[in-house]
Amino acid sequence: MKHFGLAFLFVSVGAALLAEDRFWRDDNGNLAPNSESRSAVSGFGGWLVVTSDADWRAKWETPSNTVPHFTEAKVVARGQHIFILIFFANPKLAETGIADVACDIDVIRPDGSSSVNQADAVCFHGELKGTQSNVYLSAPILDFIGEANDPAGRWLAHVTLKDNNRHVSLPLKTSFMLIDKTV
């Protein structure tokens, strides 16, 4: 397990004005490169995180000046509970002040079949409780426990975030290994 901070999630994404396709920042305030799981396009950002933290909600629901730190789950033992969290930032607001973010979700087993496949899930629709540049947690939270009949191997999580007001899509992906032994 690797610990990582979401500190760069909470640093202002004002850099989006300067580099619209790169605005996430690292713990030192430097622009972080886009990756398969954390990226931006046209000022809209998204991040896909797989965590083994059972208390992820308590870590997330803290004052805005508190930076949560999640445990990234890359190797998952059968029976272990993990969560796939989808974050977004800087959605475009409609003239009415409404943000409209949807997502396509596909979780793929090692054999190539889909465990979860949902198009146009509502990630967020409504007024933001804060500024656009804040980081928000999407409505879909995926939880996973590798059961006896689940195939061991590399599981893929593909999420395409869609800022419907901006008319842009942001494909994100990550993975984890399901193993039979204890991590």
N, C-alpha and C. Protein backbone atom coordinates (compact mmCIF):
# COMPACT_ATOMS: atom_id res chain seq x y z
N MET A 1 0.83 -1.18 0.00
CA MET A 1 0.00 0.00 0.00
C MET A 1 0.88 1.25 0.00
N LYS A 2 0.47 2.22 -0.73
CA LYS A 2 1.23 3.46 -0.83
C LYS A 2 0.35 4.59 -0.32
N HIS A 3 0.86 5.39 0.57
CA HIS A 3 0.11 6.54 1.06
C HIS A 3 0.39 7.73 0.15
N PHE A 4 -0.65 8.45 -0.18
CA PHE A 4 -0.45 9.66 -0.95
C PHE A 4 -1.41 10.71 -0.46
N GLY A 5 -1.03 11.94 -0.62
CA GLY A 5 -1.86 13.03 -0.16
C GLY A 5 -2.65 13.63 -1.29
N LEU A 6 -3.79 14.13 -0.94
CA LEU A 6 -4.59 14.86 -1.91
C LEU A 6 -4.32 16.34 -1.79
N ALA A 7 -3.17 16.69 -1.25
CA ALA A 7 -2.85 18.10 -1.05
C ALA A 7 -2.96 18.87 -2.34
N PHE A 8 -2.49 18.28 -3.43
CA PHE A 8 -2.53 19.04 -4.66
C PHE A 8 -3.94 19.14 -5.20
N LEU A 9 -4.87 18.43 -4.66
CA LEU A 9 -6.26 18.63 -5.04
C LEU A 9 -6.77 19.96 -4.51
N PHE A 10 -6.28 20.37 -3.36
CA PHE A 10 -6.85 21.50 -2.68
C PHE A 10 -6.12 22.80 -2.92
N VAL A 11 -4.99 22.74 -3.58
CA VAL A 11 -4.29 23.94 -3.98
C VAL A 11 -5.13 24.57 -5.09
N SER A 12 -5.27 25.84 -5.08
CA SER A 12 -6.12 26.50 -6.07
C SER A 12 -5.80 26.02 -7.47
N VAL A 13 -6.84 25.80 -8.24
CA VAL A 13 -6.64 25.39 -9.62
C VAL A 13 -6.65 26.60 -10.53
N GLY A 14 -6.30 27.75 -9.99
CA GLY A 14 -6.22 28.97 -10.79
C GLY A 14 -5.24 28.86 -11.92
N ALA A 15 -4.32 27.93 -11.83
CA ALA A 15 -3.38 27.73 -12.93
C ALA A 15 -4.10 27.28 -14.20
N ALA A 16 -5.35 26.86 -14.05
CA ALA A 16 -6.12 26.45 -15.23
C ALA A 16 -6.24 27.60 -16.21
N LEU A 17 -6.18 28.81 -15.70
CA LEU A 17 -6.25 29.96 -16.59
C LEU A 17 -4.99 30.07 -17.44
N LEU A 18 -3.88 29.59 -16.90
CA LEU A 18 -2.61 29.66 -17.62
C LEU A 18 -2.36 28.41 -18.47
N ALA A 19 -2.72 27.27 -17.95
CA ALA A 19 -2.50 26.01 -18.66
C ALA A 19 -3.75 25.16 -18.50
N GLU A 20 -4.70 25.33 -19.38
CA GLU A 20 -6.01 24.74 -19.19
C GLU A 20 -6.03 23.22 -19.16
N ASP A 21 -5.02 22.58 -19.68
CA ASP A 21 -5.00 21.13 -19.67
C ASP A 21 -4.07 20.57 -18.59
N ARG A 22 -3.59 21.44 -17.72
CA ARG A 22 -2.71 21.01 -16.64
C ARG A 22 -2.87 21.97 -15.48
N PHE A 23 -3.58 21.52 -14.42
CA PHE A 23 -3.71 22.42 -13.29
C PHE A 23 -3.59 21.76 -11.94
N TRP A 24 -3.46 20.43 -11.87
CA TRP A 24 -3.24 19.79 -10.57
C TRP A 24 -1.86 20.16 -10.07
N ARG A 25 -1.74 20.29 -8.77
CA ARG A 25 -0.47 20.67 -8.16
C ARG A 25 -0.03 19.62 -7.16
N ASP A 26 1.29 19.51 -6.99
CA ASP A 26 1.82 18.55 -6.03
C ASP A 26 1.90 19.20 -4.64
N ASP A 27 2.44 18.46 -3.67
CA ASP A 27 2.53 18.95 -2.29
C ASP A 27 3.39 20.20 -2.18
N ASN A 28 4.27 20.45 -3.16
CA ASN A 28 5.13 21.63 -3.12
C ASN A 28 4.57 22.79 -3.92
N GLY A 29 3.36 22.63 -4.47
CA GLY A 29 2.74 23.71 -5.24
C GLY A 29 3.12 23.74 -6.71
N ASN A 30 3.92 22.77 -7.16
CA ASN A 30 4.32 22.73 -8.56
C ASN A 30 3.24 22.05 -9.40
N LEU A 31 3.09 22.49 -10.66
CA LEU A 31 2.15 21.83 -11.55
C LEU A 31 2.54 20.36 -11.68
N ALA A 32 1.56 19.49 -11.48
CA ALA A 32 1.81 18.06 -11.60
C ALA A 32 1.42 17.61 -13.01
N PRO A 33 2.16 16.68 -13.56
CA PRO A 33 1.82 16.22 -14.91
C PRO A 33 0.51 15.43 -14.89
N ASN A 34 -0.19 15.48 -16.01
CA ASN A 34 -1.38 14.66 -16.15
C ASN A 34 -0.97 13.19 -16.16
N SER A 35 -1.87 12.35 -15.72
CA SER A 35 -1.63 10.91 -15.74
C SER A 35 -2.92 10.23 -16.18
N GLU A 36 -2.90 8.92 -16.27
CA GLU A 36 -4.11 8.20 -16.66
C GLU A 36 -5.23 8.37 -15.65
N SER A 37 -4.87 8.55 -14.37
CA SER A 37 -5.89 8.64 -13.32
C SER A 37 -6.20 10.06 -12.88
N ARG A 38 -5.37 11.03 -13.25
CA ARG A 38 -5.57 12.43 -12.84
C ARG A 38 -5.20 13.32 -14.03
N SER A 39 -6.19 14.07 -14.51
CA SER A 39 -5.94 14.83 -15.71
C SER A 39 -6.86 16.04 -15.78
N ALA A 40 -6.71 16.82 -16.83
CA ALA A 40 -7.56 17.99 -17.07
C ALA A 40 -7.66 18.21 -18.57
N VAL A 41 -8.78 18.81 -18.97
CA VAL A 41 -8.97 19.20 -20.36
C VAL A 41 -9.85 20.45 -20.37
N SER A 42 -9.41 21.45 -21.09
CA SER A 42 -10.16 22.70 -21.24
C SER A 42 -10.58 23.29 -19.90
N GLY A 43 -9.73 23.16 -18.89
CA GLY A 43 -10.00 23.74 -17.59
C GLY A 43 -10.81 22.87 -16.65
N PHE A 44 -11.26 21.71 -17.11
CA PHE A 44 -12.04 20.77 -16.30
C PHE A 44 -11.13 19.65 -15.86
N GLY A 45 -11.11 19.36 -14.55
CA GLY A 45 -10.20 18.35 -14.03
C GLY A 45 -10.91 17.18 -13.39
N GLY A 46 -10.24 16.03 -13.40
CA GLY A 46 -10.78 14.84 -12.77
C GLY A 46 -9.69 13.96 -12.21
N TRP A 47 -10.06 13.19 -11.21
CA TRP A 47 -9.11 12.27 -10.57
C TRP A 47 -9.85 11.03 -10.11
N LEU A 48 -9.30 9.89 -10.41
CA LEU A 48 -9.85 8.59 -10.06
C LEU A 48 -8.92 7.96 -9.03
N VAL A 49 -9.45 7.62 -7.85
CA VAL A 49 -8.64 7.09 -6.75
C VAL A 49 -9.22 5.77 -6.26
N VAL A 50 -8.38 4.76 -6.12
CA VAL A 50 -8.77 3.50 -5.50
C VAL A 50 -8.13 3.48 -4.12
N THR A 51 -8.96 3.39 -3.07
CA THR A 51 -8.44 3.44 -1.72
C THR A 51 -8.97 2.27 -0.89
N SER A 52 -8.14 1.83 0.06
CA SER A 52 -8.56 0.79 1.00
C SER A 52 -9.03 1.39 2.32
N ASP A 53 -9.09 2.71 2.40
CA ASP A 53 -9.49 3.38 3.64
C ASP A 53 -10.99 3.23 3.88
N ALA A 54 -11.35 2.44 4.89
CA ALA A 54 -12.76 2.28 5.25
C ALA A 54 -13.33 3.60 5.75
N ASP A 55 -12.47 4.46 6.26
CA ASP A 55 -12.91 5.76 6.79
C ASP A 55 -12.73 6.89 5.78
N TRP A 56 -12.76 6.58 4.49
CA TRP A 56 -12.55 7.59 3.46
C TRP A 56 -13.55 8.74 3.60
N ARG A 57 -14.80 8.44 3.95
CA ARG A 57 -15.81 9.50 4.06
C ARG A 57 -15.47 10.46 5.19
N ALA A 58 -15.06 9.94 6.33
CA ALA A 58 -14.68 10.80 7.45
C ALA A 58 -13.46 11.65 7.07
N LYS A 59 -12.53 11.08 6.32
CA LYS A 59 -11.37 11.84 5.87
C LYS A 59 -11.78 12.95 4.91
N TRP A 60 -12.77 12.67 4.05
CA TRP A 60 -13.20 13.64 3.06
C TRP A 60 -14.04 14.76 3.69
N GLU A 61 -14.94 14.41 4.60
CA GLU A 61 -15.87 15.37 5.17
C GLU A 61 -15.24 16.12 6.34
N THR A 62 -14.24 16.91 6.02
CA THR A 62 -13.54 17.72 7.00
C THR A 62 -13.58 19.17 6.53
N PRO A 63 -13.20 20.11 7.39
CA PRO A 63 -13.15 21.50 6.93
C PRO A 63 -12.25 21.65 5.70
N SER A 64 -12.55 22.63 4.88
CA SER A 64 -11.82 22.79 3.61
C SER A 64 -10.33 23.06 3.80
N ASN A 65 -9.92 23.50 4.98
CA ASN A 65 -8.50 23.74 5.20
C ASN A 65 -7.77 22.49 5.68
N THR A 66 -8.48 21.37 5.81
CA THR A 66 -7.88 20.09 6.19
C THR A 66 -7.72 19.24 4.94
N VAL A 67 -6.51 18.82 4.68
CA VAL A 67 -6.23 18.02 3.49
C VAL A 67 -6.29 16.54 3.87
N PRO A 68 -7.23 15.80 3.28
CA PRO A 68 -7.28 14.36 3.60
C PRO A 68 -6.16 13.60 2.90
N HIS A 69 -5.74 12.53 3.51
CA HIS A 69 -4.75 11.64 2.90
C HIS A 69 -5.38 10.26 2.83
N PHE A 70 -5.38 9.69 1.64
CA PHE A 70 -5.96 8.38 1.42
C PHE A 70 -4.86 7.36 1.15
N THR A 71 -5.13 6.11 1.46
CA THR A 71 -4.23 5.02 1.16
C THR A 71 -4.60 4.48 -0.21
N GLU A 72 -3.67 4.55 -1.14
CA GLU A 72 -3.92 4.04 -2.48
C GLU A 72 -3.82 2.52 -2.47
N ALA A 73 -4.82 1.86 -3.02
CA ALA A 73 -4.84 0.39 -3.08
C ALA A 73 -4.43 -0.06 -4.47
N LYS A 74 -3.27 -0.66 -4.58
CA LYS A 74 -2.80 -1.21 -5.86
C LYS A 74 -2.88 -2.73 -5.87
N VAL A 75 -2.68 -3.34 -4.70
CA VAL A 75 -2.80 -4.79 -4.54
C VAL A 75 -3.85 -5.03 -3.47
N VAL A 76 -4.84 -5.84 -3.83
CA VAL A 76 -6.00 -6.05 -2.96
C VAL A 76 -6.16 -7.55 -2.72
N ALA A 77 -6.21 -7.93 -1.45
CA ALA A 77 -6.41 -9.34 -1.10
C ALA A 77 -7.89 -9.70 -1.21
N ARG A 78 -8.15 -10.91 -1.61
CA ARG A 78 -9.53 -11.38 -1.68
C ARG A 78 -10.19 -11.14 -0.32
N GLY A 79 -11.39 -10.57 -0.32
CA GLY A 79 -12.11 -10.26 0.91
C GLY A 79 -11.86 -8.86 1.44
N GLN A 80 -10.85 -8.17 0.92
CA GLN A 80 -10.54 -6.81 1.36
C GLN A 80 -11.51 -5.83 0.69
N HIS A 81 -11.96 -4.86 1.45
CA HIS A 81 -12.91 -3.86 0.95
C HIS A 81 -12.12 -2.65 0.42
N ILE A 82 -12.43 -2.24 -0.81
CA ILE A 82 -11.82 -1.03 -1.38
C ILE A 82 -12.92 -0.15 -1.96
N PHE A 83 -12.56 1.09 -2.22
CA PHE A 83 -13.50 2.08 -2.74
C PHE A 83 -12.86 2.80 -3.93
N ILE A 84 -13.66 3.02 -4.96
CA ILE A 84 -13.20 3.79 -6.11
C ILE A 84 -13.91 5.13 -6.04
N LEU A 85 -13.12 6.19 -5.86
CA LEU A 85 -13.64 7.54 -5.69
C LEU A 85 -13.36 8.36 -6.95
N ILE A 86 -14.32 9.16 -7.34
CA ILE A 86 -14.19 10.00 -8.53
C ILE A 86 -14.29 11.45 -8.09
N PHE A 87 -13.23 12.21 -8.33
CA PHE A 87 -13.19 13.63 -7.99
C PHE A 87 -13.22 14.46 -9.27
N PHE A 88 -13.79 15.66 -9.18
CA PHE A 88 -13.77 16.59 -10.31
C PHE A 88 -13.58 18.00 -9.78
N ALA A 89 -13.11 18.88 -10.67
CA ALA A 89 -12.89 20.28 -10.30
C ALA A 89 -13.15 21.18 -11.50
N ASN A 90 -13.60 22.36 -11.20
CA ASN A 90 -13.79 23.43 -12.17
C ASN A 90 -14.80 23.10 -13.27
N PRO A 91 -15.98 22.59 -12.89
CA PRO A 91 -17.00 22.39 -13.92
C PRO A 91 -17.54 23.74 -14.38
N LYS A 92 -17.91 23.83 -15.61
CA LYS A 92 -18.50 25.06 -16.13
C LYS A 92 -19.94 25.16 -15.61
N LEU A 93 -20.32 26.35 -15.21
CA LEU A 93 -21.68 26.57 -14.73
C LEU A 93 -22.56 27.08 -15.85
N ALA A 94 -23.80 26.61 -15.89
CA ALA A 94 -24.78 27.13 -16.84
C ALA A 94 -25.16 28.54 -16.39
N GLU A 95 -25.87 29.27 -17.22
CA GLU A 95 -26.30 30.62 -16.86
C GLU A 95 -27.10 30.63 -15.57
N THR A 96 -27.75 29.54 -15.26
CA THR A 96 -28.54 29.41 -14.03
C THR A 96 -27.69 29.09 -12.81
N GLY A 97 -26.38 28.90 -13.00
CA GLY A 97 -25.48 28.58 -11.90
C GLY A 97 -25.39 27.10 -11.60
N ILE A 98 -25.91 26.28 -12.47
CA ILE A 98 -25.95 24.83 -12.26
C ILE A 98 -24.75 24.16 -12.94
N ALA A 99 -24.08 23.28 -12.20
CA ALA A 99 -23.04 22.42 -12.76
C ALA A 99 -23.70 21.12 -13.18
N ASP A 100 -23.23 20.54 -14.27
CA ASP A 100 -23.82 19.31 -14.81
C ASP A 100 -22.68 18.38 -15.24
N VAL A 101 -22.35 17.44 -14.37
CA VAL A 101 -21.26 16.51 -14.63
C VAL A 101 -21.81 15.08 -14.64
N ALA A 102 -21.57 14.38 -15.71
CA ALA A 102 -21.98 12.98 -15.84
C ALA A 102 -20.73 12.12 -15.98
N CYS A 103 -20.90 10.82 -15.84
CA CYS A 103 -19.74 9.95 -16.05
C CYS A 103 -20.18 8.59 -16.57
N ASP A 104 -19.31 8.05 -17.41
CA ASP A 104 -19.45 6.68 -17.88
C ASP A 104 -18.49 5.86 -17.02
N ILE A 105 -18.98 4.78 -16.46
CA ILE A 105 -18.19 3.95 -15.55
C ILE A 105 -18.11 2.54 -16.09
N ASP A 106 -16.90 2.00 -16.16
CA ASP A 106 -16.71 0.63 -16.60
C ASP A 106 -15.61 0.00 -15.75
N VAL A 107 -15.96 -1.00 -14.95
CA VAL A 107 -14.99 -1.75 -14.17
C VAL A 107 -14.86 -3.11 -14.84
N ILE A 108 -13.63 -3.42 -15.26
CA ILE A 108 -13.40 -4.59 -16.10
C ILE A 108 -12.59 -5.65 -15.35
N ARG A 109 -13.13 -6.85 -15.35
CA ARG A 109 -12.46 -7.99 -14.71
C ARG A 109 -11.22 -8.39 -15.52
N PRO A 110 -10.35 -9.19 -14.91
CA PRO A 110 -9.16 -9.66 -15.64
C PRO A 110 -9.47 -10.44 -16.91
N ASP A 111 -10.65 -11.05 -17.00
CA ASP A 111 -11.02 -11.81 -18.20
C ASP A 111 -11.61 -10.92 -19.30
N GLY A 112 -11.69 -9.60 -19.05
CA GLY A 112 -12.19 -8.66 -20.05
C GLY A 112 -13.68 -8.36 -19.95
N SER A 113 -14.41 -9.07 -19.11
CA SER A 113 -15.83 -8.80 -18.95
C SER A 113 -16.04 -7.65 -17.97
N SER A 114 -17.18 -6.99 -18.09
CA SER A 114 -17.48 -5.85 -17.22
C SER A 114 -18.17 -6.29 -15.94
N SER A 115 -17.67 -5.80 -14.84
CA SER A 115 -18.30 -6.00 -13.54
C SER A 115 -19.36 -4.93 -13.33
N VAL A 116 -19.03 -3.71 -13.72
CA VAL A 116 -19.94 -2.56 -13.67
C VAL A 116 -19.79 -1.85 -15.00
N ASN A 117 -20.91 -1.52 -15.62
CA ASN A 117 -20.87 -0.76 -16.86
C ASN A 117 -22.09 0.14 -16.89
N GLN A 118 -21.87 1.43 -16.68
CA GLN A 118 -22.97 2.37 -16.65
C GLN A 118 -22.60 3.62 -17.43
N ALA A 119 -23.46 4.01 -18.35
CA ALA A 119 -23.25 5.22 -19.14
C ALA A 119 -24.09 6.35 -18.58
N ASP A 120 -23.55 7.55 -18.65
CA ASP A 120 -24.25 8.77 -18.26
C ASP A 120 -24.79 8.76 -16.84
N ALA A 121 -24.02 8.20 -15.90
CA ALA A 121 -24.40 8.29 -14.50
C ALA A 121 -24.30 9.76 -14.07
N VAL A 122 -25.17 10.19 -13.20
CA VAL A 122 -25.11 11.56 -12.70
C VAL A 122 -23.99 11.62 -11.67
N CYS A 123 -22.94 12.36 -12.00
CA CYS A 123 -21.85 12.55 -11.04
C CYS A 123 -22.15 13.76 -10.15
N PHE A 124 -22.68 14.80 -10.76
CA PHE A 124 -23.10 15.98 -10.00
C PHE A 124 -24.03 16.79 -10.88
N HIS A 125 -25.13 17.24 -10.29
CA HIS A 125 -26.04 18.14 -10.99
C HIS A 125 -26.66 19.07 -9.94
N GLY A 126 -26.36 20.35 -10.05
CA GLY A 126 -26.90 21.31 -9.11
C GLY A 126 -25.95 22.46 -8.87
N GLU A 127 -26.26 23.22 -7.82
CA GLU A 127 -25.41 24.34 -7.43
C GLU A 127 -24.24 23.82 -6.61
N LEU A 128 -23.07 24.37 -6.86
CA LEU A 128 -21.88 23.99 -6.11
C LEU A 128 -21.90 24.65 -4.74
N LYS A 129 -21.43 23.96 -3.73
CA LYS A 129 -21.30 24.53 -2.39
C LYS A 129 -19.87 25.01 -2.23
N GLY A 130 -19.54 26.04 -2.93
CA GLY A 130 -18.19 26.58 -2.93
C GLY A 130 -17.87 27.07 -4.33
N THR A 131 -16.60 27.40 -4.54
CA THR A 131 -16.20 27.91 -5.84
C THR A 131 -16.00 26.77 -6.83
N GLN A 132 -16.04 27.11 -8.10
CA GLN A 132 -15.85 26.11 -9.15
C GLN A 132 -14.50 25.41 -9.01
N SER A 133 -13.49 26.16 -8.58
CA SER A 133 -12.14 25.60 -8.54
C SER A 133 -11.92 24.63 -7.37
N ASN A 134 -12.90 24.53 -6.46
CA ASN A 134 -12.78 23.52 -5.41
C ASN A 134 -12.84 22.14 -6.02
N VAL A 135 -12.37 21.17 -5.27
CA VAL A 135 -12.45 19.78 -5.70
C VAL A 135 -13.70 19.17 -5.08
N TYR A 136 -14.46 18.46 -5.89
CA TYR A 136 -15.71 17.86 -5.45
C TYR A 136 -15.66 16.35 -5.64
N LEU A 137 -16.36 15.64 -4.77
CA LEU A 137 -16.49 14.20 -4.87
C LEU A 137 -17.77 13.90 -5.64
N SER A 138 -17.69 13.04 -6.63
CA SER A 138 -18.87 12.71 -7.43
C SER A 138 -19.84 11.86 -6.62
N ALA A 139 -21.08 11.80 -7.10
CA ALA A 139 -22.10 11.00 -6.43
C ALA A 139 -21.81 9.50 -6.49
N PRO A 140 -21.41 8.94 -7.62
CA PRO A 140 -21.14 7.49 -7.60
C PRO A 140 -19.88 7.16 -6.81
N ILE A 141 -20.04 6.31 -5.82
CA ILE A 141 -18.91 5.76 -5.06
C ILE A 141 -18.98 4.26 -5.28
N LEU A 142 -17.93 3.70 -5.84
CA LEU A 142 -17.93 2.26 -6.09
C LEU A 142 -17.20 1.56 -4.95
N ASP A 143 -17.86 0.56 -4.36
CA ASP A 143 -17.14 -0.24 -3.38
C ASP A 143 -17.03 -1.66 -3.91
N PHE A 144 -15.95 -2.31 -3.53
CA PHE A 144 -15.59 -3.60 -4.09
C PHE A 144 -15.02 -4.48 -2.99
N ILE A 145 -15.47 -5.72 -2.98
CA ILE A 145 -14.87 -6.76 -2.16
C ILE A 145 -14.66 -7.96 -3.07
N GLY A 146 -13.42 -8.38 -3.21
CA GLY A 146 -13.13 -9.55 -4.04
C GLY A 146 -13.71 -10.80 -3.41
N GLU A 147 -14.71 -11.37 -4.05
CA GLU A 147 -15.37 -12.57 -3.53
C GLU A 147 -14.73 -13.82 -4.13
N ALA A 148 -15.12 -14.97 -3.61
CA ALA A 148 -14.52 -16.25 -4.01
C ALA A 148 -14.61 -16.50 -5.52
N ASN A 149 -15.71 -16.06 -6.15
CA ASN A 149 -15.87 -16.32 -7.58
C ASN A 149 -15.30 -15.22 -8.47
N ASP A 150 -14.74 -14.17 -7.89
CA ASP A 150 -14.11 -13.09 -8.67
C ASP A 150 -12.73 -13.54 -9.13
N PRO A 151 -12.41 -13.33 -10.41
CA PRO A 151 -11.10 -13.76 -10.89
C PRO A 151 -9.95 -12.91 -10.32
N ALA A 152 -8.90 -13.59 -9.93
CA ALA A 152 -7.69 -12.89 -9.49
C ALA A 152 -7.03 -12.26 -10.72
N GLY A 153 -6.27 -11.22 -10.49
CA GLY A 153 -5.58 -10.55 -11.58
C GLY A 153 -5.86 -9.05 -11.58
N ARG A 154 -5.52 -8.43 -12.70
CA ARG A 154 -5.62 -6.97 -12.82
C ARG A 154 -7.04 -6.56 -13.20
N TRP A 155 -7.66 -5.76 -12.34
CA TRP A 155 -8.97 -5.17 -12.57
C TRP A 155 -8.75 -3.74 -13.02
N LEU A 156 -9.50 -3.30 -14.03
CA LEU A 156 -9.37 -1.94 -14.57
C LEU A 156 -10.62 -1.13 -14.23
N ALA A 157 -10.41 0.11 -13.87
CA ALA A 157 -11.52 1.04 -13.66
C ALA A 157 -11.36 2.16 -14.69
N HIS A 158 -12.35 2.27 -15.56
CA HIS A 158 -12.37 3.33 -16.58
C HIS A 158 -13.54 4.25 -16.25
N VAL A 159 -13.28 5.53 -16.16
CA VAL A 159 -14.33 6.52 -15.93
C VAL A 159 -14.10 7.66 -16.92
N THR A 160 -15.15 8.01 -17.63
CA THR A 160 -15.09 9.19 -18.48
C THR A 160 -15.98 10.24 -17.85
N LEU A 161 -15.35 11.29 -17.32
CA LEU A 161 -16.09 12.42 -16.74
C LEU A 161 -16.52 13.33 -17.87
N LYS A 162 -17.75 13.80 -17.81
CA LYS A 162 -18.27 14.67 -18.87
C LYS A 162 -18.84 15.94 -18.26
N ASP A 163 -18.21 17.05 -18.57
CA ASP A 163 -18.75 18.36 -18.17
C ASP A 163 -19.74 18.75 -19.26
N ASN A 164 -21.01 18.52 -19.00
CA ASN A 164 -22.03 18.72 -20.02
C ASN A 164 -22.22 20.18 -20.40
N ASN A 165 -21.90 21.11 -19.50
CA ASN A 165 -22.01 22.54 -19.84
C ASN A 165 -20.84 23.00 -20.70
N ARG A 166 -19.68 22.40 -20.50
CA ARG A 166 -18.49 22.77 -21.26
C ARG A 166 -18.38 21.93 -22.54
N HIS A 167 -19.10 20.83 -22.59
CA HIS A 167 -19.09 19.91 -23.73
C HIS A 167 -17.71 19.29 -23.93
N VAL A 168 -17.11 18.82 -22.82
CA VAL A 168 -15.84 18.12 -22.90
C VAL A 168 -15.94 16.80 -22.12
N SER A 169 -15.14 15.85 -22.54
CA SER A 169 -15.04 14.56 -21.87
C SER A 169 -13.61 14.34 -21.42
N LEU A 170 -13.46 13.72 -20.27
CA LEU A 170 -12.16 13.49 -19.68
C LEU A 170 -12.04 12.02 -19.30
N PRO A 171 -11.34 11.22 -20.13
CA PRO A 171 -11.19 9.80 -19.80
C PRO A 171 -10.12 9.60 -18.72
N LEU A 172 -10.46 8.80 -17.72
CA LEU A 172 -9.55 8.48 -16.63
C LEU A 172 -9.54 6.97 -16.45
N LYS A 173 -8.41 6.43 -16.01
CA LYS A 173 -8.37 5.01 -15.70
C LYS A 173 -7.33 4.71 -14.65
N THR A 174 -7.58 3.64 -13.94
CA THR A 174 -6.66 3.13 -12.94
C THR A 174 -6.89 1.64 -12.83
N SER A 175 -6.10 0.97 -12.00
CA SER A 175 -6.25 -0.47 -11.86
C SER A 175 -5.80 -0.92 -10.49
N PHE A 176 -6.14 -2.15 -10.17
CA PHE A 176 -5.66 -2.79 -8.95
C PHE A 176 -5.55 -4.30 -9.23
N MET A 177 -4.68 -4.95 -8.49
CA MET A 177 -4.49 -6.40 -8.61
C MET A 177 -5.25 -7.09 -7.49
N LEU A 178 -6.13 -8.01 -7.86
CA LEU A 178 -6.81 -8.84 -6.87
C LEU A 178 -6.00 -10.12 -6.73
N ILE A 179 -5.59 -10.40 -5.48
CA ILE A 179 -4.78 -11.60 -5.23
C ILE A 179 -5.48 -12.48 -4.21
N ASP A 180 -5.07 -13.73 -4.16
CA ASP A 180 -5.70 -14.71 -3.27
C ASP A 180 -5.14 -14.67 -1.84
N LYS A 181 -3.95 -14.18 -1.67
CA LYS A 181 -3.34 -14.19 -0.33
C LYS A 181 -3.51 -12.85 0.37
N THR A 182 -3.20 -12.81 1.62
CA THR A 182 -3.29 -11.59 2.41
C THR A 182 -2.19 -10.63 2.03
N VAL A 183 -2.54 -9.35 1.91
CA VAL A 183 -1.56 -8.31 1.56
C VAL A 183 -0.71 -8.01 2.75
